[in-house]
C-alpha cells in the first residue's frame, strides 16, 4: 500500500483519422494525420528527492490497426516505435536511457511549426530537421533522425531555461564513416516569449544542423520564426527558415498558417524546397477537435500533385 501510494502509472494516447490527399499522390484516402499512438508512462518516488521514470509509446494506423513500422512491409517491427525509456530524476534534472527523441527535436525543431509537424500541412519536416536530401523533406529516413536508439539523454530546468543533451550508439547497419549521433539544445520561456536553439550531429558522416527560433504570443495570436543552417547527407550546404502564425477565433476556433523553405547548395547548383499551409482547428472539448488543412509544395518536393488537403477528427486521452 505504501509503495502504490508513492507511484503512478498513466495510460495515454491519441487517435486521429481524416479524409484527404497528400502532396505527391493523386489518391484520396482515409489517413492518419497526426501519428496515432498509445503509451504508458510512470514515476516512482524513491525518497530523498529521487524518482524512477519509465515510458513506452506505440504508433499505429487506426484505419487498419497495423503497426506503422510494418504496414505494407515484411515485419521488422519496432513495437515501441514512439519511444521506450527508463531513467532517474531528481533536483539535478532527469537522465533517461533507451529509444528516445533527440534533444534538438523536442526543445527547438518541434516548437515553431504551428501545425506541430502533423497533417498534410506540417512544415517542420521541410526546413527545421536533418535532411538526407532537399526534396526528401518527409521521408522515413529523415523522420527516423528525430529519435535515436541506444541513447542516453539529460534534461534540466534552471529558472526559465530548459537544457538537454543526448548521445547514442551507432546503429548496426551504419555506413562506413558513420559517427555516434548527438544533439544539444536550450529553450527559454518567460511570459509571452519562447526562444530556442539546438545543434544536431546525426549518424551520417557529413550531416549536421543548427536550428534557432523565437515565438511571441500577444492577444489571440502567436507568431513564430525559425532558421536552420547545416549540411545534408551529401555534405551540401543547407539554409532554411519557417514562419508561422496561430490565431484564436471565437471561443473554440484556431486559424493556422505558415511557410517553410530550405535551400541546398553544392557549390555548382542549388535547389529550394518550398511549402505553404493554411488550416483551421475547432475544439469540441478539451480532448477532441475537428481539423481541416490545405497545403501547396513546389516541384522540388514533388513534380506532380503539388496540392494536398485533409478533413479529420482527433481525440486525445
Protein backbone atom coordinates (compact mmCIF):
# COMPACT_ATOMS: atom_id res chain seq x y z
CA UNK A 1 0.00 0.00 0.00
CA UNK A 2 2.79 2.43 0.82
CA UNK A 3 4.55 1.63 -2.45
CA UNK A 4 1.46 2.17 -4.59
CA UNK A 5 0.75 5.49 -2.87
CA UNK A 6 4.17 6.75 -3.96
CA UNK A 7 3.91 5.54 -7.57
CA UNK A 8 1.74 6.41 -10.56
CA UNK A 9 1.20 4.82 -13.96
CA UNK A 10 -0.64 6.68 -16.74
CA UNK A 11 -2.21 5.32 -19.90
CA UNK A 12 -2.42 7.98 -22.63
CA UNK A 13 -2.67 8.39 -26.37
CA UNK A 14 -4.30 9.96 -29.39
CA UNK A 15 -6.41 8.69 -32.28
CA UNK A 16 -6.56 10.70 -35.50
CA UNK A 17 -8.33 9.95 -38.75
CA UNK A 18 -9.43 12.07 -41.65
CA UNK A 19 -10.16 12.09 -45.35
CA UNK A 20 -7.70 13.78 -47.64
CA UNK A 21 -4.97 13.73 -50.24
CA UNK A 22 -1.25 14.02 -49.55
CA UNK A 23 1.05 16.00 -51.82
CA UNK A 24 2.77 13.74 -54.33
CA UNK A 25 -0.25 11.44 -54.55
CA UNK A 26 -3.47 11.55 -56.55
CA UNK A 27 -5.17 9.09 -54.18
CA UNK A 28 -7.92 10.23 -51.84
CA UNK A 29 -7.56 8.28 -48.62
CA UNK A 30 -8.74 7.75 -45.10
CA UNK A 31 -5.49 8.65 -43.37
CA UNK A 32 -3.87 9.31 -40.01
CA UNK A 33 -2.72 12.91 -39.95
CA UNK A 34 -1.10 13.12 -36.53
CA UNK A 35 0.68 9.91 -35.61
CA UNK A 36 -1.95 7.98 -33.64
CA UNK A 37 -0.42 6.33 -30.59
CA UNK A 38 -0.97 4.63 -27.27
CA UNK A 39 1.52 4.93 -24.43
CA UNK A 40 2.22 4.07 -20.82
CA UNK A 41 4.35 6.21 -18.53
CA UNK A 42 5.06 6.10 -14.85
CA UNK A 43 7.01 7.56 -11.97
CA UNK A 44 8.00 6.15 -8.57
CA UNK A 45 9.07 8.29 -5.61
CA UNK A 46 12.34 6.83 -4.31
CA UNK A 47 12.63 9.29 -1.43
CA UNK A 48 15.30 11.91 -0.82
CA UNK A 49 14.15 13.89 -3.85
CA UNK A 50 14.86 10.99 -6.22
CA UNK A 51 12.37 9.33 -8.58
CA UNK A 52 12.38 6.49 -11.09
CA UNK A 53 10.83 7.08 -14.52
CA UNK A 54 9.73 4.91 -17.42
CA UNK A 55 7.73 5.26 -20.62
CA UNK A 56 6.72 3.27 -23.72
CA UNK A 57 4.83 4.52 -26.76
CA UNK A 58 3.45 2.54 -29.69
CA UNK A 59 2.45 4.10 -33.02
CA UNK A 60 -0.28 2.57 -35.19
CA UNK A 61 -2.57 3.30 -38.14
CA UNK A 62 -6.14 3.40 -36.80
CA UNK A 63 -7.68 2.92 -40.26
CA UNK A 64 -6.08 -0.56 -40.47
CA UNK A 65 -4.98 -1.26 -36.88
CA UNK A 66 -1.46 -2.05 -38.09
CA UNK A 67 1.88 -1.07 -36.62
CA UNK A 68 3.16 1.94 -38.59
CA UNK A 69 6.63 0.37 -38.89
CA UNK A 70 5.32 -2.83 -40.53
CA UNK A 71 2.34 -1.72 -42.60
CA UNK A 72 2.91 -2.78 -46.20
CA UNK A 73 6.31 -4.26 -45.33
CA UNK A 74 7.86 -7.52 -44.26
CA UNK A 75 7.51 -7.34 -40.46
CA UNK A 76 10.66 -5.97 -38.84
CA UNK A 77 8.71 -4.30 -36.08
CA UNK A 78 9.96 -1.73 -33.62
CA UNK A 79 6.85 -2.12 -31.50
CA UNK A 80 7.63 0.78 -29.14
CA UNK A 81 8.39 2.97 -32.15
CA UNK A 82 7.41 6.20 -30.37
CA UNK A 83 9.91 5.78 -27.55
CA UNK A 84 10.92 3.34 -24.82
CA UNK A 85 12.91 4.68 -21.87
CA UNK A 86 13.78 4.18 -18.24
CA UNK A 87 15.61 6.67 -16.06
CA UNK A 88 16.14 8.56 -12.85
CA UNK A 89 15.26 12.09 -11.84
CA UNK A 90 15.98 14.50 -9.03
CA UNK A 91 16.95 18.06 -8.24
CA UNK A 92 19.71 17.68 -10.83
CA UNK A 93 17.22 17.00 -13.63
CA UNK A 94 16.49 13.69 -15.37
CA UNK A 95 18.60 11.08 -17.12
CA UNK A 96 16.84 8.62 -19.43
CA UNK A 97 18.17 5.67 -21.42
CA UNK A 98 16.64 3.85 -24.40
CA UNK A 99 15.00 4.83 -27.66
CA UNK A 100 14.00 8.50 -27.43
CA UNK A 101 13.59 11.81 -29.19
CA UNK A 102 16.67 13.93 -29.73
CA UNK A 103 17.13 17.00 -27.56
CA UNK A 104 17.24 19.16 -30.67
CA UNK A 105 13.84 17.92 -31.79
CA UNK A 106 11.87 18.34 -28.57
CA UNK A 107 13.30 21.68 -27.44
CA UNK A 108 13.81 23.50 -30.76
CA UNK A 109 12.80 21.79 -34.01
CA UNK A 110 9.29 20.85 -32.87
CA UNK A 111 8.12 24.06 -31.19
CA UNK A 112 7.82 26.61 -34.00
CA UNK A 113 5.63 24.83 -36.55
CA UNK A 114 2.01 25.96 -35.94
CA UNK A 115 0.85 22.54 -37.24
CA UNK A 116 3.19 20.66 -34.90
CA UNK A 117 4.59 18.79 -37.88
CA UNK A 118 1.26 16.96 -38.31
CA UNK A 119 -1.35 16.57 -41.07
CA UNK A 120 -0.61 17.33 -44.71
CA UNK A 121 0.16 20.90 -43.63
CA UNK A 122 3.14 20.15 -41.33
CA UNK A 123 6.12 22.41 -42.01
CA UNK A 124 8.97 21.41 -39.68
CA UNK A 125 9.96 18.49 -41.96
CA UNK A 126 10.78 20.93 -44.76
CA UNK A 127 13.05 23.40 -43.00
CA UNK A 128 13.98 22.55 -39.41
CA UNK A 129 15.01 18.88 -39.23
CA UNK A 130 18.08 16.99 -40.55
CA UNK A 131 17.96 16.04 -44.22
CA UNK A 132 19.07 13.23 -46.46
CA UNK A 133 18.43 15.49 -49.45
CA UNK A 134 16.37 18.60 -50.22
CA UNK A 135 13.09 17.44 -51.72
CA UNK A 136 13.07 14.40 -49.45
CA UNK A 137 11.57 16.52 -46.69
CA UNK A 138 9.15 13.98 -45.27
CA UNK A 139 10.81 10.64 -45.99
CA UNK A 140 11.02 7.81 -43.46
CA UNK A 141 14.81 8.22 -43.41
CA UNK A 142 14.54 11.83 -42.30
CA UNK A 143 11.75 11.10 -39.82
CA UNK A 144 13.92 8.42 -38.23
CA UNK A 145 16.51 11.07 -37.33
CA UNK A 146 14.07 12.58 -34.84
CA UNK A 147 14.76 9.67 -32.47
CA UNK A 148 17.81 7.59 -31.63
CA UNK A 149 18.04 4.09 -30.17
CA UNK A 150 20.58 3.00 -27.57
CA UNK A 151 20.80 6.58 -26.33
CA UNK A 152 21.29 8.44 -23.07
CA UNK A 153 19.72 11.86 -22.55
CA UNK A 154 19.94 14.51 -19.83
CA UNK A 155 17.25 17.18 -19.22
CA UNK A 156 17.41 20.01 -16.73
CA UNK A 157 15.46 23.19 -15.97
CA UNK A 158 17.04 26.22 -14.38
CA UNK A 159 14.64 29.10 -13.89
CA UNK A 160 13.12 29.85 -17.27
CA UNK A 161 15.79 27.89 -19.18
CA UNK A 162 15.45 24.23 -20.13
CA UNK A 163 18.52 22.40 -21.43
CA UNK A 164 19.04 18.91 -22.83
CA UNK A 165 21.80 16.79 -24.36
CA UNK A 166 21.84 13.27 -25.78
CA UNK A 167 24.25 10.83 -27.40
CA UNK A 168 23.64 7.36 -28.86
CA UNK A 169 25.46 4.35 -30.21
CA UNK A 170 25.83 3.94 -33.96
CA UNK A 171 23.27 1.59 -35.49
CA UNK A 172 24.39 -1.88 -36.54
CA UNK A 173 23.60 -1.01 -40.18
CA UNK A 174 25.58 2.24 -40.14
CA UNK A 175 27.55 3.01 -43.27
CA UNK A 176 31.29 3.49 -43.32
CA UNK A 177 32.29 6.80 -41.74
CA UNK A 178 29.20 6.98 -39.55
CA UNK A 179 29.59 8.56 -36.14
CA UNK A 180 27.76 8.42 -32.83
CA UNK A 181 24.76 10.75 -33.18
CA UNK A 182 24.33 13.51 -30.61
CA UNK A 183 22.45 16.75 -30.08
CA UNK A 184 22.28 19.62 -27.58
CA UNK A 185 19.52 22.20 -27.09
CA UNK A 186 18.33 25.03 -24.89
CA UNK A 187 14.93 26.66 -24.59
CA UNK A 188 13.97 29.89 -22.81
CA UNK A 189 10.34 30.56 -21.89
CA UNK A 190 9.13 33.61 -19.98
CA UNK A 191 5.63 35.03 -20.31
CA UNK A 192 4.76 35.56 -23.97
CA UNK A 193 8.28 34.84 -25.26
CA UNK A 194 9.75 31.47 -26.20
CA UNK A 195 13.20 31.14 -27.75
CA UNK A 196 15.20 28.02 -28.55
CA UNK A 197 18.45 26.91 -30.15
CA UNK A 198 19.86 23.46 -30.94
CA UNK A 199 22.70 21.70 -32.69
CA UNK A 200 22.34 18.17 -34.02
CA UNK A 201 25.03 15.91 -35.49
CA UNK A 202 23.27 12.76 -36.81
CA UNK A 203 24.85 9.42 -37.55
CA UNK A 204 25.84 10.25 -41.15
CA UNK A 205 29.42 11.21 -41.90
CA UNK A 206 28.61 14.70 -43.23
CA UNK A 207 25.19 15.88 -42.00
CA UNK A 208 24.58 18.38 -39.19
CA UNK A 209 22.04 21.09 -38.41
CA UNK A 210 21.90 24.24 -36.28
CA UNK A 211 18.35 25.48 -35.53
CA UNK A 212 17.24 28.66 -33.77
CA UNK A 213 13.89 30.40 -33.42
CA UNK A 214 11.61 32.63 -31.40
CA UNK A 215 7.85 32.76 -30.80
CA UNK A 216 5.79 35.58 -29.32
CA UNK A 217 2.20 35.45 -28.07
CA UNK A 218 0.07 38.59 -27.87
CA UNK A 219 -3.69 38.74 -27.50
CA UNK A 220 -5.26 35.92 -29.54
CA UNK A 221 -2.21 35.50 -31.81
CA UNK A 222 1.07 33.61 -31.67
CA UNK A 223 3.80 34.35 -34.21
CA UNK A 224 6.90 32.22 -34.76
CA UNK A 225 10.06 32.41 -36.85
CA UNK A 226 12.92 29.93 -37.05
CA UNK A 227 16.12 29.43 -39.06
CA UNK A 228 18.30 26.41 -39.79
CA UNK A 229 21.81 26.02 -41.18
CA UNK A 230 23.95 22.96 -41.80
CA UNK A 231 24.72 20.16 -44.27
CA UNK A 232 22.78 17.22 -45.68
CA UNK A 233 23.98 13.63 -46.00
CA UNK A 234 25.98 14.53 -49.14
CA UNK A 235 27.74 17.43 -47.43
CA UNK A 236 25.80 20.05 -49.42
CA UNK A 237 25.05 23.31 -47.59
CA UNK A 238 21.54 23.84 -46.21
CA UNK A 239 19.84 27.11 -45.30
CA UNK A 240 16.20 27.08 -44.19
CA UNK A 241 13.54 29.12 -42.46
CA UNK A 242 9.98 28.79 -41.19
CA UNK A 243 7.36 31.44 -40.50
CA UNK A 244 4.17 30.54 -38.65
CA UNK A 245 1.07 32.04 -37.06
CA UNK A 246 -1.77 30.77 -34.87
CA UNK A 247 -4.80 33.00 -34.25
CA UNK A 248 -7.68 32.14 -31.91
CA UNK A 249 -11.13 32.70 -33.42
CA UNK A 250 -14.03 32.91 -31.01
CA UNK A 251 -14.03 30.52 -28.05
CA UNK A 252 -13.30 27.28 -29.91
CA UNK A 253 -11.52 28.02 -33.18
CA UNK A 254 -7.92 28.46 -34.29
CA UNK A 255 -6.60 29.53 -37.69
CA UNK A 256 -3.11 28.22 -38.53
CA UNK A 257 -0.83 29.46 -41.30
CA UNK A 258 2.81 29.01 -42.22
CA UNK A 259 5.53 28.97 -44.84
CA UNK A 260 8.76 26.98 -44.91
CA UNK A 261 11.69 26.88 -47.34
CA UNK A 262 15.04 25.08 -47.48
CA UNK A 263 17.84 25.79 -49.95
CA UNK A 264 20.51 23.23 -50.80
CA UNK A 265 23.77 24.36 -52.45
CA UNK A 266 26.56 22.03 -53.55
CA UNK A 267 28.77 24.83 -54.86
CA UNK A 268 27.78 24.48 -58.50
CA UNK A 269 23.99 24.23 -58.35
CA UNK A 270 21.20 24.87 -55.88
CA UNK A 271 17.62 23.79 -55.26
CA UNK A 272 14.98 25.19 -52.92
CA UNK A 273 12.09 23.25 -51.38
CA UNK A 274 9.06 25.40 -50.50
CA UNK A 275 5.77 24.71 -48.72
CA UNK A 276 2.86 26.94 -47.70
CA UNK A 277 -0.01 25.76 -45.48
CA UNK A 278 -3.31 27.02 -44.12
CA UNK A 279 -5.55 25.24 -41.61
CA UNK A 280 -8.37 25.50 -39.09
CA UNK A 281 -8.95 23.71 -35.76
CA UNK A 282 -12.31 23.65 -33.96
CA UNK A 283 -12.39 22.36 -30.39
CA UNK A 284 -15.33 20.16 -29.46
CA UNK A 285 -13.90 19.64 -25.96
CA UNK A 286 -10.52 19.84 -24.21
CA UNK A 287 -9.59 16.48 -25.76
CA UNK A 288 -11.33 16.39 -29.14
CA UNK A 289 -11.17 18.70 -32.14
CA UNK A 290 -12.01 18.84 -35.84
CA UNK A 291 -9.42 20.00 -38.35
CA UNK A 292 -9.03 20.90 -42.00
CA UNK A 293 -5.93 21.92 -43.93
CA UNK A 294 -4.74 22.77 -47.40
CA UNK A 295 -1.09 22.86 -48.45
CA UNK A 296 0.97 23.55 -51.55
CA UNK A 297 4.55 22.49 -52.33
CA UNK A 298 6.85 23.30 -55.22
CA UNK A 299 8.26 20.92 -57.83
CA UNK A 300 11.48 20.35 -55.90
CA UNK A 301 9.46 18.39 -53.34
CA UNK A 302 7.13 16.70 -55.82
CA UNK A 303 6.92 17.22 -59.57
CA UNK A 304 3.23 16.19 -59.62
CA UNK A 305 0.26 16.55 -57.27
CA UNK A 306 1.63 19.62 -55.55
CA UNK A 307 -1.55 20.33 -53.57
CA UNK A 308 -2.74 18.38 -50.54
CA UNK A 309 -5.71 18.68 -48.21
CA UNK A 310 -7.44 16.92 -45.32
CA UNK A 311 -10.56 16.95 -43.13
CA UNK A 312 -10.41 14.99 -39.88
CA UNK A 313 -11.05 14.47 -36.19
CA UNK A 314 -8.56 13.90 -33.37
CA UNK A 315 -9.20 12.61 -29.86
CA UNK A 316 -6.61 12.70 -27.08
CA UNK A 317 -6.81 10.66 -23.90
